[in-house]
N, C-alpha and C. Protein backbone atom coordinates (compact mmCIF):
# COMPACT_ATOMS: atom_id res chain seq x y z
N MET A 1 -6.66 7.11 8.67
CA MET A 1 -5.73 6.15 8.28
C MET A 1 -5.15 6.02 7.01
N ASN A 2 -3.70 6.39 6.87
CA ASN A 2 -3.17 6.18 5.54
C ASN A 2 -2.82 5.11 5.19
N ILE A 3 -3.02 4.41 3.99
CA ILE A 3 -2.52 3.01 3.36
C ILE A 3 -1.47 3.25 1.89
N ALA A 4 -0.57 2.91 2.36
CA ALA A 4 0.35 2.91 0.88
C ALA A 4 0.13 1.78 -0.07
N ILE A 5 0.06 1.91 -1.22
CA ILE A 5 -0.44 0.91 -2.01
C ILE A 5 0.64 1.04 -3.26
N VAL A 6 1.43 -0.22 -3.48
CA VAL A 6 2.56 -0.42 -4.44
C VAL A 6 2.45 -1.68 -4.78
N ALA A 7 2.81 -2.03 -6.10
CA ALA A 7 2.68 -3.38 -6.78
C ALA A 7 3.47 -3.21 -7.92
N HIS A 8 4.47 -4.42 -8.00
CA HIS A 8 5.26 -4.94 -9.08
C HIS A 8 4.51 -4.75 -10.45
N ASP A 9 4.86 -4.72 -11.44
CA ASP A 9 4.14 -4.79 -12.59
C ASP A 9 3.32 -5.88 -13.09
N ASN A 10 4.00 -7.19 -12.59
CA ASN A 10 3.22 -8.51 -12.76
C ASN A 10 2.14 -8.32 -11.70
N LYS A 11 2.29 -7.83 -10.71
CA LYS A 11 1.27 -7.78 -9.72
C LYS A 11 0.15 -6.71 -9.50
N LYS A 12 0.29 -5.86 -10.88
CA LYS A 12 -0.77 -4.74 -10.52
C LYS A 12 -2.12 -5.24 -10.57
N ALA A 13 -2.55 -6.18 -11.42
CA ALA A 13 -3.94 -6.61 -11.47
C ALA A 13 -4.27 -7.52 -10.45
N ASP A 14 -3.49 -8.04 -9.60
CA ASP A 14 -3.75 -8.93 -8.44
C ASP A 14 -3.95 -7.49 -7.13
N MET A 15 -3.34 -6.51 -7.10
CA MET A 15 -3.69 -5.45 -6.47
C MET A 15 -5.10 -4.67 -6.69
N VAL A 16 -5.38 -4.70 -7.90
CA VAL A 16 -6.86 -4.09 -8.34
C VAL A 16 -7.90 -5.26 -7.81
N ALA A 17 -7.37 -6.24 -8.03
CA ALA A 17 -8.52 -7.19 -7.73
C ALA A 17 -8.64 -7.03 -6.13
N PHE A 18 -7.80 -7.02 -5.43
CA PHE A 18 -7.41 -7.00 -3.84
C PHE A 18 -8.17 -5.67 -3.61
N VAL A 19 -8.12 -4.76 -3.84
CA VAL A 19 -8.85 -3.62 -3.73
C VAL A 19 -10.20 -3.61 -4.17
N MET A 20 -10.62 -4.18 -5.02
CA MET A 20 -11.88 -4.21 -5.64
C MET A 20 -12.77 -5.07 -4.45
N LYS A 21 -12.15 -6.20 -4.44
CA LYS A 21 -12.89 -7.10 -3.52
C LYS A 21 -13.13 -6.50 -2.15
N ARG A 22 -12.43 -5.50 -1.83
CA ARG A 22 -12.67 -4.71 -0.52
C ARG A 22 -12.90 -3.21 -0.45
N MET A 23 -13.67 -3.11 -1.59
CA MET A 23 -13.93 -1.67 -1.70
C MET A 23 -14.79 -0.87 -0.63
N ASP A 24 -15.46 -1.40 0.04
CA ASP A 24 -16.28 -0.92 1.18
C ASP A 24 -15.41 -0.40 2.29
N PHE A 25 -14.24 -1.29 2.44
CA PHE A 25 -12.96 -0.83 3.20
C PHE A 25 -12.34 0.37 2.69
N PHE A 26 -11.87 0.39 1.71
CA PHE A 26 -11.22 1.14 0.85
C PHE A 26 -11.68 2.71 0.82
N ARG A 27 -13.14 2.69 0.40
CA ARG A 27 -14.21 3.90 0.16
C ARG A 27 -14.44 4.80 1.32
N ARG A 28 -13.92 4.07 2.48
CA ARG A 28 -14.27 4.87 3.93
C ARG A 28 -13.55 6.22 4.10
N GLU A 29 -14.46 6.99 4.73
CA GLU A 29 -14.12 8.39 4.68
C GLU A 29 -12.62 8.59 5.61
N ASP A 30 -12.47 7.55 6.43
CA ASP A 30 -11.12 7.91 7.27
C ASP A 30 -9.97 7.04 6.74
N VAL A 31 -10.32 6.54 5.30
CA VAL A 31 -9.14 5.83 5.02
C VAL A 31 -8.63 6.87 3.63
N SER A 32 -7.24 6.73 3.57
CA SER A 32 -6.88 7.76 2.34
C SER A 32 -5.75 6.89 1.96
N LEU A 33 -5.61 6.53 0.39
CA LEU A 33 -4.95 5.76 -0.15
C LEU A 33 -3.49 6.75 -0.86
N TYR A 34 -2.13 6.27 -0.82
CA TYR A 34 -1.09 6.87 -1.42
C TYR A 34 -0.58 5.56 -1.92
N ALA A 35 -0.21 5.92 -3.37
CA ALA A 35 0.21 4.91 -4.37
C ALA A 35 1.08 5.39 -5.14
N THR A 36 2.07 4.53 -5.67
CA THR A 36 3.11 4.99 -6.65
C THR A 36 2.48 5.18 -7.91
N GLY A 37 2.70 5.58 -8.76
CA GLY A 37 2.16 6.23 -10.19
C GLY A 37 1.09 5.18 -11.05
N THR A 38 1.70 4.13 -11.49
CA THR A 38 1.14 3.42 -12.16
C THR A 38 -0.10 2.62 -11.65
N THR A 39 0.59 2.04 -10.28
CA THR A 39 -0.57 1.27 -9.43
C THR A 39 -1.53 2.31 -8.92
N GLY A 40 -1.32 3.44 -8.79
CA GLY A 40 -2.08 4.59 -8.40
C GLY A 40 -3.05 4.61 -9.48
N ASN A 41 -2.80 4.91 -10.45
CA ASN A 41 -3.92 5.13 -11.77
C ASN A 41 -4.76 3.83 -12.03
N HIS A 42 -3.99 2.71 -11.71
CA HIS A 42 -4.95 1.49 -11.93
C HIS A 42 -6.06 1.54 -11.02
N ILE A 43 -5.82 1.80 -9.83
CA ILE A 43 -6.82 1.77 -8.80
C ILE A 43 -7.51 2.90 -8.79
N GLU A 44 -7.24 4.06 -9.50
CA GLU A 44 -8.25 5.06 -9.53
C GLU A 44 -9.12 4.88 -10.88
N ASN A 45 -8.78 3.87 -11.92
CA ASN A 45 -9.52 3.83 -12.61
C ASN A 45 -10.58 2.62 -12.38
N ALA A 46 -10.33 2.09 -11.04
CA ALA A 46 -11.37 1.03 -10.62
C ALA A 46 -12.35 1.80 -9.71
N GLY A 47 -12.27 3.07 -9.50
CA GLY A 47 -13.46 4.11 -8.96
C GLY A 47 -12.73 4.57 -7.62
N LEU A 48 -11.88 4.65 -7.11
CA LEU A 48 -11.20 5.03 -5.85
C LEU A 48 -10.26 6.36 -6.06
N HIS A 49 -10.25 7.23 -5.09
CA HIS A 49 -9.51 8.18 -5.02
C HIS A 49 -8.04 7.95 -4.39
N VAL A 50 -7.16 8.47 -5.10
CA VAL A 50 -5.73 7.79 -4.74
C VAL A 50 -4.91 8.96 -4.80
N ASN A 51 -4.08 9.10 -3.83
CA ASN A 51 -3.02 10.39 -3.79
C ASN A 51 -1.83 9.56 -4.43
N CYS A 52 -1.50 9.69 -5.87
CA CYS A 52 -0.68 9.30 -6.67
C CYS A 52 0.64 10.12 -6.62
N LEU A 53 1.56 9.36 -6.24
CA LEU A 53 3.20 9.64 -6.16
C LEU A 53 3.87 9.17 -7.46
N LEU A 54 5.04 9.57 -7.47
CA LEU A 54 5.58 8.97 -8.72
C LEU A 54 5.80 7.60 -8.89
N SER A 55 6.07 7.20 -10.14
CA SER A 55 6.46 5.64 -10.37
C SER A 55 7.64 5.04 -9.45
N GLY A 56 7.47 3.71 -9.09
CA GLY A 56 8.46 3.34 -8.28
C GLY A 56 9.69 3.35 -8.64
N PRO A 57 10.21 3.28 -10.02
CA PRO A 57 11.61 3.47 -10.50
C PRO A 57 11.87 5.10 -10.63
N MET A 58 10.87 5.94 -10.71
CA MET A 58 11.35 7.18 -10.41
C MET A 58 11.37 7.95 -9.52
N GLY A 59 11.15 7.06 -8.15
CA GLY A 59 10.97 7.43 -6.85
C GLY A 59 9.85 7.55 -5.91
N GLY A 60 9.08 6.62 -6.49
CA GLY A 60 7.66 6.85 -5.77
C GLY A 60 7.91 5.77 -4.42
N ASP A 61 8.41 4.87 -4.26
CA ASP A 61 8.88 4.17 -3.45
C ASP A 61 9.53 5.09 -2.51
N ALA A 62 10.57 5.81 -2.67
CA ALA A 62 10.96 6.56 -1.81
C ALA A 62 10.06 7.72 -1.33
N GLN A 63 9.19 8.34 -2.11
CA GLN A 63 8.03 9.20 -1.60
C GLN A 63 7.51 8.65 -0.24
N ILE A 64 7.15 7.34 -0.62
CA ILE A 64 6.43 6.41 0.38
C ILE A 64 6.81 6.24 1.66
N ALA A 65 8.33 5.96 1.50
CA ALA A 65 9.25 5.90 2.50
C ALA A 65 9.40 7.03 3.36
N SER A 66 9.40 8.09 2.58
CA SER A 66 9.58 9.64 3.46
C SER A 66 8.37 9.83 4.05
N LYS A 67 7.21 9.42 3.67
CA LYS A 67 5.94 9.63 4.37
C LYS A 67 5.84 8.77 5.55
N LEU A 68 5.98 7.76 5.54
CA LEU A 68 6.33 6.61 6.24
C LEU A 68 7.12 7.18 7.40
N VAL A 69 8.27 7.72 7.39
CA VAL A 69 9.21 8.21 8.30
C VAL A 69 8.64 9.07 8.96
N GLU A 70 7.73 9.94 8.12
CA GLU A 70 7.46 11.33 9.11
C GLU A 70 6.23 11.01 10.05
N GLY A 71 5.66 9.52 9.80
CA GLY A 71 4.43 9.25 10.71
C GLY A 71 3.05 9.29 9.80
N GLN A 72 3.19 9.41 8.68
CA GLN A 72 2.06 9.79 7.62
C GLN A 72 1.63 8.27 7.06
N ILE A 73 2.14 7.52 7.35
CA ILE A 73 1.71 6.04 6.71
C ILE A 73 1.33 4.84 7.78
N ASP A 74 0.22 4.59 7.81
CA ASP A 74 -0.08 3.55 8.86
C ASP A 74 0.17 2.07 8.35
N ALA A 75 0.13 1.69 7.02
CA ALA A 75 0.25 0.37 6.40
C ALA A 75 0.73 0.32 5.11
N VAL A 76 1.40 -0.58 4.86
CA VAL A 76 1.96 -0.77 3.49
C VAL A 76 1.71 -2.01 2.77
N LEU A 77 0.92 -1.85 1.54
CA LEU A 77 0.52 -3.24 0.86
C LEU A 77 1.37 -2.92 -0.18
N PHE A 78 2.30 -3.84 -0.60
CA PHE A 78 3.08 -3.97 -1.56
C PHE A 78 3.43 -5.17 -2.33
N PHE A 79 2.54 -5.57 -3.27
CA PHE A 79 2.44 -6.94 -3.79
C PHE A 79 3.99 -6.84 -4.79
N ILE A 80 4.90 -7.55 -4.25
CA ILE A 80 6.16 -7.75 -4.85
C ILE A 80 6.13 -9.02 -5.74
N ASP A 81 6.63 -9.21 -6.99
CA ASP A 81 6.92 -9.95 -7.77
C ASP A 81 8.23 -10.56 -7.32
N PRO A 82 8.31 -11.80 -6.79
CA PRO A 82 9.74 -12.02 -6.44
C PRO A 82 10.54 -13.10 -7.53
N LEU A 83 9.69 -12.94 -8.47
CA LEU A 83 10.44 -13.82 -9.55
C LEU A 83 10.91 -12.96 -10.85
N PHE A 84 11.11 -11.57 -10.60
CA PHE A 84 11.71 -10.74 -11.60
C PHE A 84 12.64 -9.88 -10.77
N SER A 85 13.72 -9.64 -11.35
CA SER A 85 14.67 -8.35 -10.65
C SER A 85 14.06 -7.19 -11.22
N HIS A 86 14.32 -6.13 -10.37
CA HIS A 86 13.88 -4.90 -10.48
C HIS A 86 14.95 -3.76 -10.18
N PRO A 87 14.84 -3.01 -11.35
CA PRO A 87 15.74 -1.73 -11.52
C PRO A 87 16.16 -1.01 -10.25
N HIS A 88 15.02 -0.80 -9.85
CA HIS A 88 14.97 -0.13 -8.42
C HIS A 88 15.05 -0.77 -7.08
N GLU A 89 15.64 -2.02 -7.13
CA GLU A 89 15.55 -2.85 -5.81
C GLU A 89 15.91 -2.33 -4.64
N VAL A 90 17.01 -1.23 -4.88
CA VAL A 90 17.49 -0.60 -3.74
C VAL A 90 16.32 0.08 -2.82
N ASP A 91 15.59 0.75 -3.70
CA ASP A 91 14.35 1.43 -3.24
C ASP A 91 13.09 0.47 -2.57
N VAL A 92 12.91 -0.69 -3.18
CA VAL A 92 12.37 -1.62 -2.56
C VAL A 92 12.88 -1.91 -1.38
N GLN A 93 13.89 -2.38 -1.32
CA GLN A 93 14.55 -2.85 0.13
C GLN A 93 14.58 -1.57 1.33
N MET A 94 14.85 -0.59 0.76
CA MET A 94 14.41 0.47 1.68
C MET A 94 13.24 0.80 2.52
N LEU A 95 12.33 0.75 1.36
CA LEU A 95 11.15 0.90 1.97
C LEU A 95 10.77 -0.39 2.97
N MET A 96 10.92 -1.47 2.70
CA MET A 96 10.73 -2.68 3.58
C MET A 96 11.61 -2.41 4.81
N ARG A 97 12.72 -2.32 4.74
CA ARG A 97 13.53 -1.74 5.87
C ARG A 97 13.06 -0.70 6.77
N LEU A 98 12.76 0.39 6.12
CA LEU A 98 11.96 1.44 6.84
C LEU A 98 10.37 0.86 7.78
N CYS A 99 9.99 0.04 6.89
CA CYS A 99 8.80 -0.62 7.78
C CYS A 99 8.95 -1.10 8.91
N ASN A 100 9.77 -2.02 9.03
CA ASN A 100 10.50 -2.72 9.89
C ASN A 100 11.12 -1.63 11.22
N VAL A 101 11.99 -0.68 10.92
CA VAL A 101 12.48 0.39 11.61
C VAL A 101 11.38 0.98 12.40
N HIS A 102 10.30 1.42 11.51
CA HIS A 102 9.29 2.27 12.12
C HIS A 102 8.13 1.65 12.65
N ASP A 103 7.86 0.10 12.56
CA ASP A 103 7.00 -0.77 12.98
C ASP A 103 5.56 -0.52 12.38
N VAL A 104 5.79 -0.30 11.14
CA VAL A 104 4.75 -0.29 10.13
C VAL A 104 4.44 -1.62 9.70
N PRO A 105 2.95 -1.96 9.59
CA PRO A 105 2.78 -3.25 9.33
C PRO A 105 2.98 -3.13 7.62
N LEU A 106 3.70 -4.17 7.03
CA LEU A 106 4.10 -4.47 5.58
C LEU A 106 3.34 -5.85 5.01
N ALA A 107 2.47 -5.45 4.20
CA ALA A 107 2.22 -6.89 3.29
C ALA A 107 2.93 -6.99 2.09
N THR A 108 3.37 -8.13 1.80
CA THR A 108 3.87 -8.24 0.42
C THR A 108 3.61 -9.07 -0.69
N ASN A 109 2.35 -9.71 -0.12
CA ASN A 109 1.48 -10.71 -0.63
C ASN A 109 -0.13 -10.45 -0.68
N TYR A 110 -0.82 -11.26 -1.40
CA TYR A 110 -2.51 -10.69 -1.06
C TYR A 110 -2.83 -11.72 0.24
N SER A 111 -2.29 -12.63 0.61
CA SER A 111 -2.44 -13.10 1.85
C SER A 111 -2.36 -12.45 2.97
N THR A 112 -1.14 -11.82 3.16
CA THR A 112 -0.80 -10.93 4.11
C THR A 112 -1.67 -9.62 4.19
N ALA A 113 -1.74 -9.22 3.12
CA ALA A 113 -2.81 -8.08 2.64
C ALA A 113 -4.10 -8.00 3.30
N LYS A 114 -4.35 -9.47 3.26
CA LYS A 114 -5.78 -9.74 3.66
C LYS A 114 -5.81 -9.31 5.14
N CYS A 115 -5.04 -10.02 6.03
CA CYS A 115 -4.87 -10.00 7.26
C CYS A 115 -4.46 -8.50 7.77
N ILE A 116 -3.81 -7.82 7.12
CA ILE A 116 -3.70 -6.52 7.58
C ILE A 116 -4.91 -5.58 7.32
N VAL A 117 -5.69 -5.76 6.27
CA VAL A 117 -7.05 -5.18 6.10
C VAL A 117 -8.12 -5.53 7.29
N SER A 118 -7.92 -6.86 7.36
CA SER A 118 -9.02 -7.24 8.37
C SER A 118 -8.51 -6.80 9.78
N PHE A 119 -7.30 -6.69 10.04
CA PHE A 119 -6.86 -6.12 11.63
C PHE A 119 -7.20 -4.71 11.45
N LEU A 120 -7.18 -3.92 10.58
CA LEU A 120 -7.71 -2.73 10.58
C LEU A 120 -9.08 -2.34 10.76
N LYS A 121 -9.77 -3.12 10.12
CA LYS A 121 -11.08 -3.20 9.96
C LYS A 121 -11.50 -3.27 11.58
N LYS A 122 -10.85 -4.32 12.30
CA LYS A 122 -11.31 -4.99 13.81
C LYS A 122 -10.83 -3.88 14.62
N LYS A 123 -9.86 -3.31 14.20
CA LYS A 123 -9.04 -2.00 15.03
C LYS A 123 -10.07 -0.82 15.20
N GLU A 124 -10.60 -0.82 13.96
CA GLU A 124 -11.58 0.48 14.12
C GLU A 124 -12.90 0.44 14.81
N ILE A 125 -13.13 -1.00 14.44
CA ILE A 125 -14.54 -1.21 15.44
C ILE A 125 -14.17 -1.26 16.86
N ILE A 126 -13.23 -1.47 17.10
CA ILE A 126 -12.65 -1.31 18.68
C ILE A 126 -12.71 0.03 19.18
N ARG A 127 -11.95 0.62 18.24
CA ARG A 127 -12.17 2.01 18.65
C ARG A 127 -13.37 2.83 18.62
N ASN A 128 -14.27 2.60 17.74
CA ASN A 128 -15.62 3.17 17.87
C ASN A 128 -16.53 2.55 19.15
N ASN A 129 -16.23 1.42 19.38
CA ASN A 129 -16.90 0.71 20.58
C ASN A 129 -16.63 1.28 22.03
N SER A 130 -15.32 1.93 21.97
CA SER A 130 -14.62 1.97 23.17
C SER A 130 -15.14 3.75 23.84
């Protein structure tokens, strides 16, 4: 299961807290993390292996979108700061649009991310019991 993790600057601490609280899930051998540069570095500092891509403004959002289109991403957790404009907003919108086009679960806040991770945990339990 490949999960992309992205967070705007004002949401990076929230993302790290979210991941830390669910470390048992994110440390599983069947879970691989992909993240934009700075977010990935923060999560690596928290003790997880992350496939770090470029930072968002330098093309990291587009790299995740490319992997998503190729069927290599199963879910995207993207903590968006809705109160701040972003210079790479076009890339953010593209990533969100491609999640919808390719029917990939997308969480843009903490509460929705909890729901997606909970679903992925249950999905794995069902798969293992089948």
